[in-house]
N, C-alpha and C. Protein backbone atom coordinates (compact mmCIF):
# COMPACT_ATOMS: atom_id res chain seq x y z
N MET A 1 0.83 -1.18 0.00
CA MET A 1 0.00 0.00 0.00
C MET A 1 0.87 1.25 0.00
N ARG A 2 2.05 1.16 0.66
CA ARG A 2 2.94 2.31 0.75
C ARG A 2 3.43 2.77 -0.63
N PRO A 3 3.85 1.87 -1.54
CA PRO A 3 4.29 2.33 -2.86
C PRO A 3 3.18 3.08 -3.61
N LEU A 4 1.93 2.67 -3.42
CA LEU A 4 0.83 3.35 -4.08
C LEU A 4 0.67 4.77 -3.56
N ARG A 5 0.81 4.96 -2.25
CA ARG A 5 0.72 6.30 -1.66
C ARG A 5 1.85 7.19 -2.17
N VAL A 6 3.04 6.64 -2.25
CA VAL A 6 4.18 7.41 -2.75
C VAL A 6 3.94 7.82 -4.20
N LEU A 7 3.48 6.87 -4.99
CA LEU A 7 3.20 7.16 -6.40
C LEU A 7 2.12 8.24 -6.53
N LEU A 8 1.05 8.14 -5.75
CA LEU A 8 -0.01 9.14 -5.80
C LEU A 8 0.51 10.51 -5.35
N GLY A 9 1.38 10.52 -4.36
CA GLY A 9 1.97 11.78 -3.90
C GLY A 9 2.83 12.42 -4.97
N VAL A 10 3.63 11.61 -5.65
CA VAL A 10 4.48 12.12 -6.72
C VAL A 10 3.62 12.66 -7.86
N LEU A 11 2.59 11.93 -8.26
CA LEU A 11 1.71 12.37 -9.33
C LEU A 11 0.99 13.67 -8.96
N ALA A 12 0.55 13.79 -7.72
CA ALA A 12 -0.11 15.02 -7.28
C ALA A 12 0.87 16.19 -7.33
N GLY A 13 2.11 15.96 -6.90
CA GLY A 13 3.12 17.02 -6.96
C GLY A 13 3.41 17.45 -8.39
N LEU A 14 3.50 16.49 -9.31
CA LEU A 14 3.73 16.82 -10.71
C LEU A 14 2.56 17.60 -11.30
N ALA A 15 1.35 17.25 -10.90
CA ALA A 15 0.18 17.98 -11.40
C ALA A 15 0.21 19.43 -10.94
N VAL A 16 0.61 19.65 -9.69
CA VAL A 16 0.70 21.02 -9.17
C VAL A 16 1.77 21.79 -9.93
N LEU A 17 2.94 21.18 -10.12
CA LEU A 17 4.01 21.85 -10.85
C LEU A 17 3.63 22.09 -12.31
N GLY A 18 2.96 21.15 -12.91
CA GLY A 18 2.51 21.32 -14.29
C GLY A 18 1.53 22.46 -14.42
N GLY A 19 0.67 22.63 -13.43
CA GLY A 19 -0.27 23.75 -13.44
C GLY A 19 0.43 25.08 -13.34
N CYS A 20 1.56 25.13 -12.64
CA CYS A 20 2.32 26.37 -12.53
C CYS A 20 2.98 26.73 -13.85
N ALA A 21 3.28 25.74 -14.65
CA ALA A 21 4.01 25.99 -15.89
C ALA A 21 3.11 26.43 -17.03
N THR A 22 1.80 26.27 -16.88
CA THR A 22 0.92 26.68 -17.96
C THR A 22 0.59 28.14 -17.81
N GLY A 23 1.12 28.91 -18.69
CA GLY A 23 0.88 30.34 -18.67
C GLY A 23 1.50 30.94 -19.90
N SER A 24 1.05 32.08 -20.23
CA SER A 24 1.55 32.74 -21.42
C SER A 24 2.85 33.44 -21.13
N ALA A 25 3.79 33.36 -22.06
CA ALA A 25 5.03 34.11 -21.94
C ALA A 25 4.84 35.54 -22.42
N GLU A 26 3.69 35.82 -23.01
CA GLU A 26 3.39 37.16 -23.50
C GLU A 26 3.02 38.06 -22.33
N PRO A 27 3.30 39.33 -22.43
CA PRO A 27 2.89 40.24 -21.38
C PRO A 27 1.37 40.24 -21.24
N THR A 28 0.89 40.27 -20.00
CA THR A 28 -0.54 40.28 -19.78
C THR A 28 -1.04 41.67 -19.45
N SER A 29 -0.17 42.55 -19.09
CA SER A 29 -0.57 43.91 -18.77
C SER A 29 -0.72 44.71 -20.04
N SER A 30 -1.80 45.50 -20.12
CA SER A 30 -1.99 46.34 -21.29
C SER A 30 -0.89 47.39 -21.38
N ASP A 31 -0.22 47.68 -20.26
CA ASP A 31 0.89 48.63 -20.28
C ASP A 31 2.06 48.11 -21.11
N ASP A 32 2.19 46.78 -21.22
CA ASP A 32 3.29 46.17 -21.96
C ASP A 32 2.88 45.76 -23.37
N ASP A 33 1.62 45.89 -23.69
CA ASP A 33 1.12 45.42 -24.98
C ASP A 33 1.35 46.48 -26.05
N VAL A 34 2.13 46.14 -27.05
CA VAL A 34 2.44 47.09 -28.13
C VAL A 34 1.54 46.91 -29.34
N THR A 35 0.72 45.85 -29.35
CA THR A 35 -0.14 45.66 -30.51
C THR A 35 -1.14 46.80 -30.62
N GLY A 36 -1.46 47.15 -31.85
CA GLY A 36 -2.40 48.24 -32.08
C GLY A 36 -1.80 49.28 -33.00
N SER A 37 -2.40 50.45 -33.00
CA SER A 37 -2.00 51.53 -33.89
C SER A 37 -1.22 52.61 -33.15
N TRP A 38 -0.20 53.10 -33.81
CA TRP A 38 0.68 54.14 -33.26
C TRP A 38 0.83 55.24 -34.29
N GLY A 39 0.89 56.47 -33.84
CA GLY A 39 1.10 57.59 -34.75
C GLY A 39 -0.19 58.15 -35.28
N ALA A 40 -0.08 58.95 -36.30
CA ALA A 40 -1.22 59.68 -36.85
C ALA A 40 -1.63 59.11 -38.20
N SER A 41 -2.28 57.95 -38.18
CA SER A 41 -2.62 57.27 -39.44
C SER A 41 -3.65 58.04 -40.26
N THR A 42 -4.38 58.95 -39.65
CA THR A 42 -5.40 59.70 -40.39
C THR A 42 -4.90 61.08 -40.83
N VAL A 43 -3.66 61.42 -40.49
CA VAL A 43 -3.11 62.73 -40.84
C VAL A 43 -2.15 62.56 -42.00
N VAL A 44 -2.45 63.20 -43.12
CA VAL A 44 -1.60 63.11 -44.31
C VAL A 44 -0.23 63.70 -43.98
N GLY A 45 0.82 62.97 -44.34
CA GLY A 45 2.18 63.44 -44.12
C GLY A 45 2.78 63.06 -42.78
N GLU A 46 2.01 62.40 -41.92
CA GLU A 46 2.52 61.99 -40.61
C GLU A 46 2.78 60.49 -40.58
N ALA A 47 3.77 60.08 -39.79
CA ALA A 47 4.12 58.67 -39.66
C ALA A 47 3.08 57.91 -38.85
N SER A 48 2.87 56.64 -39.22
CA SER A 48 1.98 55.77 -38.47
C SER A 48 2.49 54.34 -38.56
N LEU A 49 2.10 53.53 -37.57
CA LEU A 49 2.56 52.15 -37.47
C LEU A 49 1.45 51.31 -36.86
N ASP A 50 1.15 50.17 -37.47
CA ASP A 50 0.17 49.23 -36.95
C ASP A 50 0.85 47.90 -36.70
N LEU A 51 0.77 47.42 -35.46
CA LEU A 51 1.36 46.14 -35.07
C LEU A 51 0.23 45.17 -34.77
N ALA A 52 0.08 44.14 -35.61
CA ALA A 52 -0.99 43.16 -35.45
C ALA A 52 -0.54 42.03 -34.53
N GLU A 53 -1.52 41.38 -33.92
CA GLU A 53 -1.23 40.27 -33.02
C GLU A 53 -0.54 39.11 -33.72
N ASP A 54 -0.74 38.97 -35.03
CA ASP A 54 -0.13 37.86 -35.77
C ASP A 54 1.34 38.12 -36.13
N GLY A 55 1.89 39.27 -35.70
CA GLY A 55 3.28 39.58 -35.98
C GLY A 55 3.51 40.39 -37.23
N SER A 56 2.45 40.73 -37.94
CA SER A 56 2.61 41.57 -39.13
C SER A 56 2.62 43.04 -38.73
N ALA A 57 3.35 43.82 -39.50
CA ALA A 57 3.45 45.26 -39.25
C ALA A 57 3.20 46.01 -40.54
N THR A 58 2.41 47.06 -40.47
CA THR A 58 2.21 47.95 -41.61
C THR A 58 2.49 49.36 -41.12
N ALA A 59 3.03 50.18 -41.99
CA ALA A 59 3.42 51.53 -41.57
C ALA A 59 3.37 52.48 -42.76
N SER A 60 3.45 53.75 -42.43
CA SER A 60 3.57 54.79 -43.45
C SER A 60 4.45 55.89 -42.88
N ASP A 61 5.31 56.43 -43.72
CA ASP A 61 6.13 57.58 -43.30
C ASP A 61 5.44 58.89 -43.65
N GLY A 62 4.18 58.79 -44.04
CA GLY A 62 3.43 59.95 -44.47
C GLY A 62 3.28 60.01 -45.97
N CYS A 63 4.02 59.16 -46.66
CA CYS A 63 3.97 59.10 -48.12
C CYS A 63 4.04 57.65 -48.57
N ASN A 64 5.11 56.97 -48.22
CA ASN A 64 5.34 55.59 -48.62
C ASN A 64 4.69 54.62 -47.65
N ARG A 65 4.19 53.52 -48.18
CA ARG A 65 3.64 52.43 -47.38
C ARG A 65 4.73 51.41 -47.13
N MET A 66 4.71 50.82 -45.94
CA MET A 66 5.72 49.82 -45.57
C MET A 66 5.03 48.61 -44.97
N VAL A 67 5.60 47.43 -45.21
CA VAL A 67 5.13 46.20 -44.58
C VAL A 67 6.34 45.44 -44.06
N GLY A 68 6.12 44.71 -42.98
CA GLY A 68 7.18 43.91 -42.38
C GLY A 68 6.61 43.02 -41.30
N GLU A 69 7.49 42.53 -40.46
CA GLU A 69 7.09 41.68 -39.34
C GLU A 69 7.74 42.21 -38.08
N TRP A 70 7.10 41.93 -36.94
CA TRP A 70 7.65 42.34 -35.66
C TRP A 70 7.56 41.17 -34.68
N THR A 71 8.47 41.17 -33.73
CA THR A 71 8.46 40.18 -32.65
C THR A 71 8.76 40.89 -31.34
N ARG A 72 8.31 40.29 -30.26
CA ARG A 72 8.64 40.82 -28.93
C ARG A 72 10.10 40.49 -28.64
N SER A 73 10.78 41.42 -27.99
CA SER A 73 12.16 41.19 -27.58
C SER A 73 12.26 41.57 -26.11
N THR A 74 13.41 41.32 -25.51
CA THR A 74 13.57 41.65 -24.10
C THR A 74 13.47 43.15 -23.86
N GLU A 75 13.84 43.95 -24.84
CA GLU A 75 13.78 45.40 -24.70
C GLU A 75 12.43 45.97 -25.13
N GLY A 76 11.67 45.25 -25.91
CA GLY A 76 10.39 45.75 -26.43
C GLY A 76 9.98 45.00 -27.67
N VAL A 77 10.27 45.56 -28.85
CA VAL A 77 9.94 44.91 -30.12
C VAL A 77 11.12 45.02 -31.07
N SER A 78 11.19 44.04 -31.97
CA SER A 78 12.18 44.05 -33.05
C SER A 78 11.44 43.94 -34.37
N PHE A 79 11.96 44.60 -35.39
CA PHE A 79 11.33 44.59 -36.70
C PHE A 79 12.21 43.87 -37.71
N SER A 80 11.55 43.17 -38.65
CA SER A 80 12.27 42.59 -39.79
C SER A 80 12.59 43.73 -40.74
N ALA A 81 13.29 43.42 -41.81
CA ALA A 81 13.54 44.44 -42.84
C ALA A 81 12.20 44.86 -43.43
N TRP A 82 12.05 46.14 -43.66
CA TRP A 82 10.81 46.68 -44.21
C TRP A 82 10.80 46.58 -45.73
N SER A 83 9.66 46.22 -46.30
CA SER A 83 9.42 46.37 -47.73
C SER A 83 8.64 47.67 -47.87
N THR A 84 9.07 48.52 -48.78
CA THR A 84 8.45 49.84 -48.86
C THR A 84 8.27 50.30 -50.30
N THR A 85 7.25 51.11 -50.51
CA THR A 85 7.08 51.75 -51.81
C THR A 85 8.12 52.86 -51.90
N ARG A 86 8.37 53.35 -53.10
CA ARG A 86 9.38 54.40 -53.31
C ARG A 86 8.76 55.58 -54.06
N MET A 87 7.78 56.20 -53.46
CA MET A 87 7.14 57.37 -54.06
C MET A 87 8.05 58.57 -53.79
N SER A 88 8.07 59.48 -54.69
CA SER A 88 8.91 60.68 -54.53
C SER A 88 8.07 61.83 -53.98
N CYS A 89 7.80 61.75 -52.71
CA CYS A 89 7.04 62.82 -52.06
C CYS A 89 8.02 63.86 -51.54
N PRO A 90 7.72 65.12 -51.74
CA PRO A 90 8.63 66.17 -51.26
C PRO A 90 8.60 66.27 -49.73
N ALA A 91 9.76 66.50 -49.17
CA ALA A 91 9.91 66.79 -47.73
C ALA A 91 9.37 65.70 -46.81
N VAL A 92 9.52 64.44 -47.19
CA VAL A 92 9.12 63.34 -46.31
C VAL A 92 10.37 62.74 -45.69
N ASP A 93 10.39 62.70 -44.37
CA ASP A 93 11.52 62.12 -43.63
C ASP A 93 11.33 60.61 -43.56
N PRO A 94 12.25 59.81 -44.09
CA PRO A 94 12.10 58.35 -44.12
C PRO A 94 12.53 57.66 -42.82
N TRP A 95 12.53 58.36 -41.70
CA TRP A 95 13.06 57.81 -40.45
C TRP A 95 12.40 56.50 -40.06
N LEU A 96 11.10 56.36 -40.28
CA LEU A 96 10.40 55.16 -39.85
C LEU A 96 10.93 53.90 -40.55
N SER A 97 11.33 54.03 -41.80
CA SER A 97 11.85 52.87 -42.54
C SER A 97 13.20 52.40 -42.02
N LEU A 98 13.86 53.21 -41.20
CA LEU A 98 15.15 52.84 -40.62
C LEU A 98 15.02 52.13 -39.28
N ALA A 99 13.80 52.06 -38.75
CA ALA A 99 13.58 51.46 -37.43
C ALA A 99 13.80 49.96 -37.45
N VAL A 100 14.61 49.47 -36.51
CA VAL A 100 14.83 48.03 -36.36
C VAL A 100 14.30 47.52 -35.03
N ALA A 101 13.99 48.44 -34.10
CA ALA A 101 13.51 48.04 -32.78
C ALA A 101 12.74 49.20 -32.15
N GLY A 102 12.01 48.86 -31.10
CA GLY A 102 11.28 49.87 -30.37
C GLY A 102 11.07 49.44 -28.93
N ARG A 103 10.76 50.42 -28.10
CA ARG A 103 10.49 50.15 -26.68
C ARG A 103 9.43 51.13 -26.19
N LEU A 104 8.66 50.70 -25.20
CA LEU A 104 7.66 51.58 -24.62
C LEU A 104 8.29 52.45 -23.55
N GLU A 105 8.00 53.73 -23.62
CA GLU A 105 8.45 54.68 -22.60
C GLU A 105 7.35 55.71 -22.39
N GLY A 106 6.76 55.69 -21.22
CA GLY A 106 5.75 56.69 -20.89
C GLY A 106 4.58 56.74 -21.85
N GLY A 107 4.12 55.60 -22.31
CA GLY A 107 2.97 55.56 -23.21
C GLY A 107 3.30 55.83 -24.66
N GLN A 108 4.57 56.01 -24.97
CA GLN A 108 5.00 56.22 -26.35
C GLN A 108 5.85 55.04 -26.81
N LEU A 109 5.83 54.79 -28.11
CA LEU A 109 6.70 53.79 -28.70
C LEU A 109 7.92 54.52 -29.25
N VAL A 110 9.08 54.26 -28.64
CA VAL A 110 10.33 54.90 -29.05
C VAL A 110 11.01 53.97 -30.04
N LEU A 111 11.27 54.46 -31.24
CA LEU A 111 11.86 53.65 -32.30
C LEU A 111 13.33 54.01 -32.49
N VAL A 112 14.16 52.96 -32.68
CA VAL A 112 15.61 53.15 -32.80
C VAL A 112 16.13 52.47 -34.05
N ASP A 113 17.31 52.93 -34.51
CA ASP A 113 17.94 52.33 -35.69
C ASP A 113 18.87 51.20 -35.28
N LYS A 114 19.63 50.69 -36.24
CA LYS A 114 20.52 49.54 -35.99
C LYS A 114 21.62 49.84 -34.98
N ASP A 115 21.92 51.11 -34.76
CA ASP A 115 22.93 51.50 -33.78
C ASP A 115 22.30 51.92 -32.46
N ALA A 116 21.02 51.64 -32.28
CA ALA A 116 20.25 51.99 -31.08
C ALA A 116 20.10 53.50 -30.88
N VAL A 117 20.25 54.25 -31.97
CA VAL A 117 20.04 55.70 -31.92
C VAL A 117 18.55 55.97 -32.09
N GLN A 118 17.99 56.79 -31.21
CA GLN A 118 16.57 57.09 -31.28
C GLN A 118 16.24 57.85 -32.55
N LEU A 119 15.26 57.31 -33.29
CA LEU A 119 14.80 57.93 -34.53
C LEU A 119 13.60 58.84 -34.31
N GLY A 120 12.71 58.41 -33.43
CA GLY A 120 11.50 59.16 -33.18
C GLY A 120 10.57 58.40 -32.26
N THR A 121 9.44 59.01 -31.94
CA THR A 121 8.45 58.39 -31.07
C THR A 121 7.08 58.47 -31.73
N LEU A 122 6.24 57.51 -31.38
CA LEU A 122 4.85 57.49 -31.85
C LEU A 122 3.94 57.31 -30.65
N ASP A 123 2.86 58.06 -30.61
CA ASP A 123 1.85 57.91 -29.56
C ASP A 123 0.87 56.82 -29.97
N ARG A 124 0.33 56.11 -28.97
CA ARG A 124 -0.69 55.10 -29.25
C ARG A 124 -1.96 55.81 -29.71
N THR A 125 -2.53 55.30 -30.78
CA THR A 125 -3.79 55.85 -31.25
C THR A 125 -4.94 54.88 -31.06
N GLU A 126 -4.61 53.57 -31.03
CA GLU A 126 -5.66 52.58 -30.87
C GLU A 126 -5.05 51.25 -30.44
N PRO A 127 -5.49 50.72 -29.28
CA PRO A 127 -4.99 49.39 -28.89
C PRO A 127 -5.60 48.33 -29.78
N SER A 128 -4.98 47.15 -29.79
CA SER A 128 -5.50 46.06 -30.63
C SER A 128 -6.78 45.51 -30.07
């Protein structure tokens, strides 16, 4: 009878530990959630960025449209290389197309280049 009790105790302990391991590695706080819309997507000439839950990213520098992918990183988010249109709009700053990563700071998404130099910030316009 003793081996059965030991076995049941071990199984119960494993069930408890297994229950602790089931959880999402994704941030659960909306403060950490970067999915949604950033920037001024309805303002002509202004930068905007949309991060979808499926990892796709769409953006505009105010003239050109961009598509890419994003993933969560320890610092915030990382972007794949952007595919972009090449329209010749006057006086458009292409800073957004240089972004390789971003982090949340004070409700803004701070975007940086490959050398971690800050390129600009975008305000949240719509959560996912």
